[in-house]
Amino acid sequence: YSAKLGTVVRRWSGEKMAYLRNWGEGWAFMSSDL
């Protein structure tokens, strides 16, 4: 979570905040309740 969000907010590696639309499990994170 922190590693990916930092990359997005810094706009590194071609990341954009528009890509956060499916943030969470859609980014291969664990289930939200865990």
PDB file of all heavy atoms in Angstrom:
ATOM      1  N   TYR A   1       0.831  -1.209   0.000  1.00  0.00           N
ATOM      2  CA  TYR A   1       0.000   0.000   0.000  1.00  0.00           C
ATOM      3  C   TYR A   1       0.866   1.260   0.000  1.00  0.00           C
ATOM      4  O   TYR A   1       0.725   2.128  -0.866  1.00  0.00           O
ATOM      5  CB  TYR A   1      -0.911  -0.025   1.231  1.00  0.00           C
ATOM      6  CG  TYR A   1      -1.996   1.026   1.252  1.00  0.00           C
ATOM      7  CD1 TYR A   1      -3.311   0.687   0.959  1.00  0.00           C
ATOM      8  CD2 TYR A   1      -1.741   2.346   1.598  1.00  0.00           C
ATOM      9  CE1 TYR A   1      -4.331   1.635   0.996  1.00  0.00           C
ATOM     10  CE2 TYR A   1      -2.742   3.300   1.631  1.00  0.00           C
ATOM     11  CZ  TYR A   1      -4.033   2.934   1.332  1.00  0.00           C
ATOM     12  OH  TYR A   1      -5.038   3.874   1.367  1.00  0.00           O
ATOM     13  N   SER A   2       1.775   1.375   0.966  1.00  0.00           N
ATOM     14  CA  SER A   2       2.579   2.595   1.063  1.00  0.00           C
ATOM     15  C   SER A   2       3.570   2.708  -0.081  1.00  0.00           C
ATOM     16  O   SER A   2       3.828   3.796  -0.605  1.00  0.00           O
ATOM     17  CB  SER A   2       3.303   2.667   2.410  1.00  0.00           C
ATOM     18  OG  SER A   2       4.159   1.566   2.616  1.00  0.00           O
ATOM     19  N   ALA A   3       4.130   1.572  -0.502  1.00  0.00           N
ATOM     20  CA  ALA A   3       5.099   1.595  -1.596  1.00  0.00           C
ATOM     21  C   ALA A   3       4.441   2.035  -2.900  1.00  0.00           C
ATOM     22  O   ALA A   3       4.978   2.890  -3.631  1.00  0.00           O
ATOM     23  CB  ALA A   3       5.730   0.213  -1.757  1.00  0.00           C
ATOM     24  N   LYS A   4       3.276   1.477  -3.207  1.00  0.00           N
ATOM     25  CA  LYS A   4       2.584   1.811  -4.456  1.00  0.00           C
ATOM     26  C   LYS A   4       1.996   3.222  -4.408  1.00  0.00           C
ATOM     27  O   LYS A   4       2.083   3.975  -5.396  1.00  0.00           O
ATOM     28  CB  LYS A   4       1.473   0.795  -4.737  1.00  0.00           C
ATOM     29  CG  LYS A   4       1.955  -0.616  -5.003  1.00  0.00           C
ATOM     30  CD  LYS A   4       2.678  -0.734  -6.328  1.00  0.00           C
ATOM     31  CE  LYS A   4       2.987  -2.185  -6.655  1.00  0.00           C
ATOM     32  NZ  LYS A   4       3.728  -2.318  -7.936  1.00  0.00           N
ATOM     33  N   LEU A   5       1.388   3.603  -3.287  1.00  0.00           N
ATOM     34  CA  LEU A   5       0.767   4.922  -3.206  1.00  0.00           C
ATOM     35  C   LEU A   5       1.824   6.023  -3.318  1.00  0.00           C
ATOM     36  O   LEU A   5       1.606   7.045  -3.974  1.00  0.00           O
ATOM     37  CB  LEU A   5      -0.035   5.069  -1.910  1.00  0.00           C
ATOM     38  CG  LEU A   5      -0.857   6.346  -1.783  1.00  0.00           C
ATOM     39  CD1 LEU A   5      -1.846   6.489  -2.944  1.00  0.00           C
ATOM     40  CD2 LEU A   5      -1.615   6.375  -0.447  1.00  0.00           C
ATOM     41  N   GLY A   6       2.978   5.815  -2.707  1.00  0.00           N
ATOM     42  CA  GLY A   6       4.056   6.789  -2.832  1.00  0.00           C
ATOM     43  C   GLY A   6       4.509   6.950  -4.268  1.00  0.00           C
ATOM     44  O   GLY A   6       4.743   8.072  -4.743  1.00  0.00           O
ATOM     45  N   THR A   7       4.613   5.842  -4.986  1.00  0.00           N
ATOM     46  CA  THR A   7       5.016   5.891  -6.404  1.00  0.00           C
ATOM     47  C   THR A   7       3.995   6.653  -7.239  1.00  0.00           C
ATOM     48  O   THR A   7       4.348   7.458  -8.103  1.00  0.00           O
ATOM     49  CB  THR A   7       5.192   4.461  -6.952  1.00  0.00           C
ATOM     50  OG1 THR A   7       6.195   3.783  -6.190  1.00  0.00           O
ATOM     51  CG2 THR A   7       5.622   4.480  -8.406  1.00  0.00           C
ATOM     52  N   VAL A   8       2.702   6.423  -6.963  1.00  0.00           N
ATOM     53  CA  VAL A   8       1.642   7.091  -7.718  1.00  0.00           C
ATOM     54  C   VAL A   8       1.624   8.589  -7.433  1.00  0.00           C
ATOM     55  O   VAL A   8       1.590   9.415  -8.355  1.00  0.00           O
ATOM     56  CB  VAL A   8       0.274   6.459  -7.395  1.00  0.00           C
ATOM     57  CG1 VAL A   8      -0.861   7.273  -8.027  1.00  0.00           C
ATOM     58  CG2 VAL A   8       0.214   5.021  -7.883  1.00  0.00           C
ATOM     59  N   VAL A   9       1.640   8.962  -6.149  1.00  0.00           N
ATOM     60  CA  VAL A   9       1.550  10.381  -5.789  1.00  0.00           C
ATOM     61  C   VAL A   9       2.791  11.143  -6.253  1.00  0.00           C
ATOM     62  O   VAL A   9       2.716  12.309  -6.652  1.00  0.00           O
ATOM     63  CB  VAL A   9       1.305  10.535  -4.276  1.00  0.00           C
ATOM     64  CG1 VAL A   9       1.341  12.010  -3.860  1.00  0.00           C
ATOM     65  CG2 VAL A   9      -0.042   9.922  -3.888  1.00  0.00           C
ATOM     66  N   ARG A  10       3.932  10.483  -6.259  1.00  0.00           N
ATOM     67  CA  ARG A  10       5.151  11.118  -6.779  1.00  0.00           C
ATOM     68  C   ARG A  10       5.173  11.161  -8.316  1.00  0.00           C
ATOM     69  O   ARG A  10       6.027  11.805  -8.901  1.00  0.00           O
ATOM     70  CB  ARG A  10       6.390  10.354  -6.282  1.00  0.00           C
ATOM     71  CG  ARG A  10       6.677  10.485  -4.799  1.00  0.00           C
ATOM     72  CD  ARG A  10       7.994   9.795  -4.465  1.00  0.00           C
ATOM     73  NE  ARG A  10       8.277   9.755  -3.040  1.00  0.00           N
ATOM     74  CZ  ARG A  10       8.835  10.751  -2.353  1.00  0.00           C
ATOM     75  NH1 ARG A  10       9.148  11.881  -2.974  1.00  0.00           N
ATOM     76  NH2 ARG A  10       9.082  10.624  -1.065  1.00  0.00           N
ATOM     77  N   ARG A  11       4.236  10.432  -8.957  1.00  0.00           N
ATOM     78  CA  ARG A  11       4.137  10.357 -10.422  1.00  0.00           C
ATOM     79  C   ARG A  11       5.389   9.725 -11.023  1.00  0.00           C
ATOM     80  O   ARG A  11       5.854  10.101 -12.099  1.00  0.00           O
ATOM     81  CB  ARG A  11       3.871  11.745 -11.035  1.00  0.00           C
ATOM     82  CG  ARG A  11       2.622  12.415 -10.486  1.00  0.00           C
ATOM     83  CD  ARG A  11       2.230  13.659 -11.235  1.00  0.00           C
ATOM     84  NE  ARG A  11       3.266  14.683 -11.202  1.00  0.00           N
ATOM     85  CZ  ARG A  11       3.108  15.933 -11.622  1.00  0.00           C
ATOM     86  NH1 ARG A  11       1.938  16.308 -12.119  1.00  0.00           N
ATOM     87  NH2 ARG A  11       4.100  16.807 -11.557  1.00  0.00           N
ATOM     88  N   TRP A  12       5.919   8.745 -10.329  1.00  0.00           N
ATOM     89  CA  TRP A  12       7.086   8.020 -10.805  1.00  0.00           C
ATOM     90  C   TRP A  12       6.650   6.849 -11.674  1.00  0.00           C
ATOM     91  O   TRP A  12       5.528   6.356 -11.558  1.00  0.00           O
ATOM     92  CB  TRP A  12       7.915   7.495  -9.621  1.00  0.00           C
ATOM     93  CG  TRP A  12       8.692   8.545  -8.887  1.00  0.00           C
ATOM     94  CD1 TRP A  12       8.756   9.878  -9.166  1.00  0.00           C
ATOM     95  CD2 TRP A  12       9.511   8.340  -7.727  1.00  0.00           C
ATOM     96  NE1 TRP A  12       9.566  10.514  -8.253  1.00  0.00           N
ATOM     97  CE2 TRP A  12      10.050   9.605  -7.374  1.00  0.00           C
ATOM     98  CE3 TRP A  12       9.850   7.229  -6.970  1.00  0.00           C
ATOM     99  CZ2 TRP A  12      10.899   9.774  -6.274  1.00  0.00           C
ATOM    100  CZ3 TRP A  12      10.695   7.386  -5.882  1.00  0.00           C
ATOM    101  CH2 TRP A  12      11.219   8.645  -5.541  1.00  0.00           C
ATOM    102  N   SER A  13       7.568   6.370 -12.494  1.00  0.00           N
ATOM    103  CA  SER A  13       7.382   5.139 -13.283  1.00  0.00           C
ATOM    104  C   SER A  13       6.119   5.169 -14.139  1.00  0.00           C
ATOM    105  O   SER A  13       5.490   4.133 -14.373  1.00  0.00           O
ATOM    106  CB  SER A  13       7.352   3.915 -12.352  1.00  0.00           C
ATOM    107  OG  SER A  13       8.523   3.864 -11.554  1.00  0.00           O
ATOM    108  N   GLY A  14       5.720   6.368 -14.578  1.00  0.00           N
ATOM    109  CA  GLY A  14       4.548   6.483 -15.431  1.00  0.00           C
ATOM    110  C   GLY A  14       3.224   6.318 -14.713  1.00  0.00           C
ATOM    111  O   GLY A  14       2.162   6.272 -15.361  1.00  0.00           O
ATOM    112  N   GLU A  15       3.246   6.239 -13.380  1.00  0.00           N
ATOM    113  CA  GLU A  15       2.000   6.067 -12.620  1.00  0.00           C
ATOM    114  C   GLU A  15       1.190   7.366 -12.602  1.00  0.00           C
ATOM    115  O   GLU A  15       1.749   8.469 -12.598  1.00  0.00           O
ATOM    116  CB  GLU A  15       2.296   5.620 -11.189  1.00  0.00           C
ATOM    117  CG  GLU A  15       2.951   4.246 -11.088  1.00  0.00           C
ATOM    118  CD  GLU A  15       1.989   3.104 -11.346  1.00  0.00           C
ATOM    119  OE1 GLU A  15       0.831   3.356 -11.724  1.00  0.00           O
ATOM    120  OE2 GLU A  15       2.395   1.940 -11.167  1.00  0.00           O
ATOM    121  N   LYS A  16      -0.125   7.219 -12.591  1.00  0.00           N
ATOM    122  CA  LYS A  16      -1.043   8.361 -12.535  1.00  0.00           C
ATOM    123  C   LYS A  16      -2.103   8.102 -11.474  1.00  0.00           C
ATOM    124  O   LYS A  16      -2.498   6.954 -11.239  1.00  0.00           O
ATOM    125  CB  LYS A  16      -1.723   8.554 -13.892  1.00  0.00           C
ATOM    126  CG  LYS A  16      -0.770   8.824 -15.043  1.00  0.00           C
ATOM    127  CD  LYS A  16      -1.539   8.899 -16.358  1.00  0.00           C
ATOM    128  CE  LYS A  16      -0.591   9.140 -17.528  1.00  0.00           C
ATOM    129  NZ  LYS A  16      -1.319   9.190 -18.828  1.00  0.00           N
ATOM    130  N   MET A  17      -2.604   9.162 -10.879  1.00  0.00           N
ATOM    131  CA  MET A  17      -3.649   8.991  -9.870  1.00  0.00           C
ATOM    132  C   MET A  17      -4.940   8.469 -10.488  1.00  0.00           C
ATOM    133  O   MET A  17      -5.757   7.861  -9.791  1.00  0.00           O
ATOM    134  CB  MET A  17      -3.873  10.296  -9.117  1.00  0.00           C
ATOM    135  CG  MET A  17      -2.646  10.681  -8.287  1.00  0.00           C
ATOM    136  SD  MET A  17      -2.944  11.926  -7.023  1.00  0.00           S
ATOM    137  CE  MET A  17      -3.848  10.984  -5.795  1.00  0.00           C
ATOM    138  N   ALA A  18      -5.106   8.661 -11.787  1.00  0.00           N
ATOM    139  CA  ALA A  18      -6.273   8.084 -12.463  1.00  0.00           C
ATOM    140  C   ALA A  18      -6.314   6.567 -12.322  1.00  0.00           C
ATOM    141  O   ALA A  18      -7.393   5.956 -12.338  1.00  0.00           O
ATOM    142  CB  ALA A  18      -6.255   8.467 -13.947  1.00  0.00           C
ATOM    143  N   TYR A  19      -5.141   5.957 -12.156  1.00  0.00           N
ATOM    144  CA  TYR A  19      -5.071   4.496 -12.031  1.00  0.00           C
ATOM    145  C   TYR A  19      -5.576   3.997 -10.670  1.00  0.00           C
ATOM    146  O   TYR A  19      -5.715   2.789 -10.468  1.00  0.00           O
ATOM    147  CB  TYR A  19      -3.631   4.004 -12.235  1.00  0.00           C
ATOM    148  CG  TYR A  19      -3.012   4.344 -13.577  1.00  0.00           C
ATOM    149  CD1 TYR A  19      -1.635   4.346 -13.741  1.00  0.00           C
ATOM    150  CD2 TYR A  19      -3.797   4.666 -14.681  1.00  0.00           C
ATOM    151  CE1 TYR A  19      -1.047   4.654 -14.967  1.00  0.00           C
ATOM    152  CE2 TYR A  19      -3.228   4.984 -15.909  1.00  0.00           C
ATOM    153  CZ  TYR A  19      -1.848   4.971 -16.048  1.00  0.00           C
ATOM    154  OH  TYR A  19      -1.274   5.281 -17.255  1.00  0.00           O
ATOM    155  N   LEU A  20      -5.846   4.931  -9.750  1.00  0.00           N
ATOM    156  CA  LEU A  20      -6.299   4.533  -8.412  1.00  0.00           C
ATOM    157  C   LEU A  20      -7.786   4.154  -8.386  1.00  0.00           C
ATOM    158  O   LEU A  20      -8.313   3.817  -7.326  1.00  0.00           O
ATOM    159  CB  LEU A  20      -6.048   5.661  -7.405  1.00  0.00           C
ATOM    160  CG  LEU A  20      -4.580   6.052  -7.189  1.00  0.00           C
ATOM    161  CD1 LEU A  20      -4.482   7.267  -6.275  1.00  0.00           C
ATOM    162  CD2 LEU A  20      -3.795   4.878  -6.600  1.00  0.00           C
ATOM    163  N   ARG A  21      -8.420   4.199  -9.535  1.00  0.00           N
ATOM    164  CA  ARG A  21      -9.858   3.895  -9.597  1.00  0.00           C
ATOM    165  C   ARG A  21     -10.172   2.540  -8.983  1.00  0.00           C
ATOM    166  O   ARG A  21     -11.194   2.370  -8.306  1.00  0.00           O
ATOM    167  CB  ARG A  21     -10.333   3.948 -11.047  1.00  0.00           C
ATOM    168  CG  ARG A  21     -11.820   3.708 -11.207  1.00  0.00           C
ATOM    169  CD  ARG A  21     -12.297   3.862 -12.642  1.00  0.00           C
ATOM    170  NE  ARG A  21     -13.755   3.918 -12.697  1.00  0.00           N
ATOM    171  CZ  ARG A  21     -14.440   4.758 -13.451  1.00  0.00           C
ATOM    172  NH1 ARG A  21     -13.801   5.638 -14.202  1.00  0.00           N
ATOM    173  NH2 ARG A  21     -15.759   4.739 -13.440  1.00  0.00           N
ATOM    174  N   ASN A  22      -9.319   1.548  -9.208  1.00  0.00           N
ATOM    175  CA  ASN A  22      -9.571   0.207  -8.644  1.00  0.00           C
ATOM    176  C   ASN A  22      -8.601  -0.095  -7.504  1.00  0.00           C
ATOM    177  O   ASN A  22      -8.221  -1.247  -7.279  1.00  0.00           O
ATOM    178  CB  ASN A  22      -9.482  -0.856  -9.733  1.00  0.00           C
ATOM    179  CG  ASN A  22      -8.058  -0.995 -10.290  1.00  0.00           C
ATOM    180  OD1 ASN A  22      -7.262  -0.065 -10.218  1.00  0.00           O
ATOM    181  ND2 ASN A  22      -7.741  -2.161 -10.842  1.00  0.00           N
ATOM    182  N   TRP A  23      -8.213   0.928  -6.768  1.00  0.00           N
ATOM    183  CA  TRP A  23      -7.272   0.807  -5.653  1.00  0.00           C
ATOM    184  C   TRP A  23      -7.752  -0.236  -4.644  1.00  0.00           C
ATOM    185  O   TRP A  23      -8.938  -0.343  -4.355  1.00  0.00           O
ATOM    186  CB  TRP A  23      -7.140   2.159  -4.967  1.00  0.00           C
ATOM    187  CG  TRP A  23      -6.139   2.245  -3.858  1.00  0.00           C
ATOM    188  CD1 TRP A  23      -6.412   2.457  -2.528  1.00  0.00           C
ATOM    189  CD2 TRP A  23      -4.712   2.166  -3.958  1.00  0.00           C
ATOM    190  NE1 TRP A  23      -5.245   2.518  -1.812  1.00  0.00           N
ATOM    191  CE2 TRP A  23      -4.188   2.340  -2.656  1.00  0.00           C
ATOM    192  CE3 TRP A  23      -3.827   1.952  -5.008  1.00  0.00           C
ATOM    193  CZ2 TRP A  23      -2.823   2.310  -2.382  1.00  0.00           C
ATOM    194  CZ3 TRP A  23      -2.464   1.928  -4.750  1.00  0.00           C
ATOM    195  CH2 TRP A  23      -1.976   2.105  -3.452  1.00  0.00           C
ATOM    196  N   GLY A  24      -6.801  -0.963  -4.106  1.00  0.00           N
ATOM    197  CA  GLY A  24      -7.138  -1.997  -3.124  1.00  0.00           C
ATOM    198  C   GLY A  24      -6.888  -3.367  -3.708  1.00  0.00           C
ATOM    199  O   GLY A  24      -5.814  -3.634  -4.277  1.00  0.00           O
ATOM    200  N   GLU A  25      -7.884  -4.228  -3.608  1.00  0.00           N
ATOM    201  CA  GLU A  25      -7.724  -5.578  -4.134  1.00  0.00           C
ATOM    202  C   GLU A  25      -7.382  -5.589  -5.620  1.00  0.00           C
ATOM    203  O   GLU A  25      -6.704  -6.488  -6.106  1.00  0.00           O
ATOM    204  CB  GLU A  25      -8.999  -6.393  -3.882  1.00  0.00           C
ATOM    205  CG  GLU A  25      -9.266  -6.715  -2.426  1.00  0.00           C
ATOM    206  CD  GLU A  25     -10.163  -5.720  -1.720  1.00  0.00           C
ATOM    207  OE1 GLU A  25     -10.323  -4.596  -2.257  1.00  0.00           O
ATOM    208  OE2 GLU A  25     -10.694  -6.040  -0.649  1.00  0.00           O
ATOM    209  N   GLY A  26      -7.839  -4.545  -6.344  1.00  0.00           N
ATOM    210  CA  GLY A  26      -7.545  -4.441  -7.767  1.00  0.00           C
ATOM    211  C   GLY A  26      -6.076  -4.228  -8.070  1.00  0.00           C
ATOM    212  O   GLY A  26      -5.638  -4.386  -9.213  1.00  0.00           O
ATOM    213  N   TRP A  27      -5.317  -3.876  -7.056  1.00  0.00           N
ATOM    214  CA  TRP A  27      -3.863  -3.717  -7.191  1.00  0.00           C
ATOM    215  C   TRP A  27      -3.122  -4.915  -6.595  1.00  0.00           C
ATOM    216  O   TRP A  27      -1.947  -4.817  -6.249  1.00  0.00           O
ATOM    217  CB  TRP A  27      -3.411  -2.422  -6.504  1.00  0.00           C
ATOM    218  CG  TRP A  27      -3.698  -1.190  -7.306  1.00  0.00           C
ATOM    219  CD1 TRP A  27      -4.916  -0.749  -7.742  1.00  0.00           C
ATOM    220  CD2 TRP A  27      -2.741  -0.235  -7.775  1.00  0.00           C
ATOM    221  NE1 TRP A  27      -4.785   0.423  -8.440  1.00  0.00           N
ATOM    222  CE2 TRP A  27      -3.453   0.767  -8.480  1.00  0.00           C
ATOM    223  CE3 TRP A  27      -1.360  -0.124  -7.654  1.00  0.00           C
ATOM    224  CZ2 TRP A  27      -2.819   1.861  -9.069  1.00  0.00           C
ATOM    225  CZ3 TRP A  27      -0.732   0.973  -8.242  1.00  0.00           C
ATOM    226  CH2 TRP A  27      -1.455   1.950  -8.951  1.00  0.00           C
ATOM    227  N   ALA A  28      -3.818  -6.013  -6.465  1.00  0.00           N
ATOM    228  CA  ALA A  28      -3.263  -7.256  -5.913  1.00  0.00           C
ATOM    229  C   ALA A  28      -2.905  -7.119  -4.441  1.00  0.00           C
ATOM    230  O   ALA A  28      -1.987  -7.774  -3.944  1.00  0.00           O
ATOM    231  CB  ALA A  28      -2.046  -7.726  -6.713  1.00  0.00           C
ATOM    232  N   PHE A  29      -3.660  -6.268  -3.732  1.00  0.00           N
ATOM    233  CA  PHE A  29      -3.516  -6.194  -2.279  1.00  0.00           C
ATOM    234  C   PHE A  29      -4.377  -7.281  -1.633  1.00  0.00           C
ATOM    235  O   PHE A  29      -5.281  -7.827  -2.264  1.00  0.00           O
ATOM    236  CB  PHE A  29      -3.988  -4.831  -1.750  1.00  0.00           C
ATOM    237  CG  PHE A  29      -3.194  -3.658  -2.247  1.00  0.00           C
ATOM    238  CD1 PHE A  29      -3.647  -2.370  -2.019  1.00  0.00           C
ATOM    239  CD2 PHE A  29      -2.004  -3.803  -2.937  1.00  0.00           C
ATOM    240  CE1 PHE A  29      -2.943  -1.266  -2.457  1.00  0.00           C
ATOM    241  CE2 PHE A  29      -1.275  -2.709  -3.388  1.00  0.00           C
ATOM    242  CZ  PHE A  29      -1.747  -1.428  -3.151  1.00  0.00           C
ATOM    243  N   MET A  30      -4.099  -7.551  -0.375  1.00  0.00           N
ATOM    244  CA  MET A  30      -4.925  -8.500   0.378  1.00  0.00           C
ATOM    245  C   MET A  30      -6.334  -7.939   0.563  1.00  0.00           C
ATOM    246  O   MET A  30      -6.581  -6.747   0.344  1.00  0.00           O
ATOM    247  CB  MET A  30      -4.283  -8.805   1.737  1.00  0.00           C
ATOM    248  CG  MET A  30      -4.233  -7.616   2.682  1.00  0.00           C
ATOM    249  SD  MET A  30      -3.313  -7.938   4.224  1.00  0.00           S
ATOM    250  CE  MET A  30      -1.619  -7.999   3.647  1.00  0.00           C
ATOM    251  N   SER A  31      -7.249  -8.786   0.986  1.00  0.00           N
ATOM    252  CA  SER A  31      -8.627  -8.368   1.214  1.00  0.00           C
ATOM    253  C   SER A  31      -8.669  -7.217   2.216  1.00  0.00           C
ATOM    254  O   SER A  31      -7.931  -7.200   3.198  1.00  0.00           O
ATOM    255  CB  SER A  31      -9.442  -9.547   1.733  1.00  0.00           C
ATOM    256  OG  SER A  31     -10.750  -9.146   2.078  1.00  0.00           O
ATOM    257  N   SER A  32      -9.552  -6.246   1.962  1.00  0.00           N
ATOM    258  CA  SER A  32      -9.624  -5.043   2.788  1.00  0.00           C
ATOM    259  C   SER A  32      -9.823  -5.352   4.267  1.00  0.00           C
ATOM    260  O   SER A  32      -9.254  -4.691   5.140  1.00  0.00           O
ATOM    261  CB  SER A  32     -10.768  -4.157   2.292  1.00  0.00           C
ATOM    262  OG  SER A  32     -10.923  -3.015   3.101  1.00  0.00           O
ATOM    263  N   ASP A  33     -10.621  -6.376   4.575  1.00  0.00           N
ATOM    264  CA  ASP A  33     -10.925  -6.676   5.974  1.00  0.00           C
ATOM    265  C   ASP A  33      -9.753  -7.339   6.701  1.00  0.00           C
ATOM    266  O   ASP A  33      -9.822  -7.564   7.914  1.00  0.00           O
ATOM    267  CB  ASP A  33     -12.177  -7.530   6.100  1.00  0.00           C
ATOM    268  CG  ASP A  33     -12.077  -8.852   5.347  1.00  0.00           C
ATOM    269  OD1 ASP A  33     -11.109  -9.038   4.573  1.00  0.00           O
ATOM    270  OD2 ASP A  33     -12.956  -9.703   5.544  1.00  0.00           O
ATOM    271  N   LEU A  34      -8.682  -7.637   5.973  1.00  0.00           N
ATOM    272  CA  LEU A  34      -7.491  -8.223   6.585  1.00  0.00           C
ATOM    273  C   LEU A  34      -6.344  -7.219   6.719  1.00  0.00           C
ATOM    274  O   LEU A  34      -5.377  -7.469   7.444  1.00  0.00           O
ATOM    275  CB  LEU A  34      -6.993  -9.405   5.741  1.00  0.00           C
ATOM    276  CG  LEU A  34      -7.904 -10.626   5.674  1.00  0.00           C
ATOM    277  CD1 LEU A  34      -7.403 -11.581   4.598  1.00  0.00           C
ATOM    278  CD2 LEU A  34      -7.974 -11.326   7.025  1.00  0.00           C
TER     279      LEU A  34
END
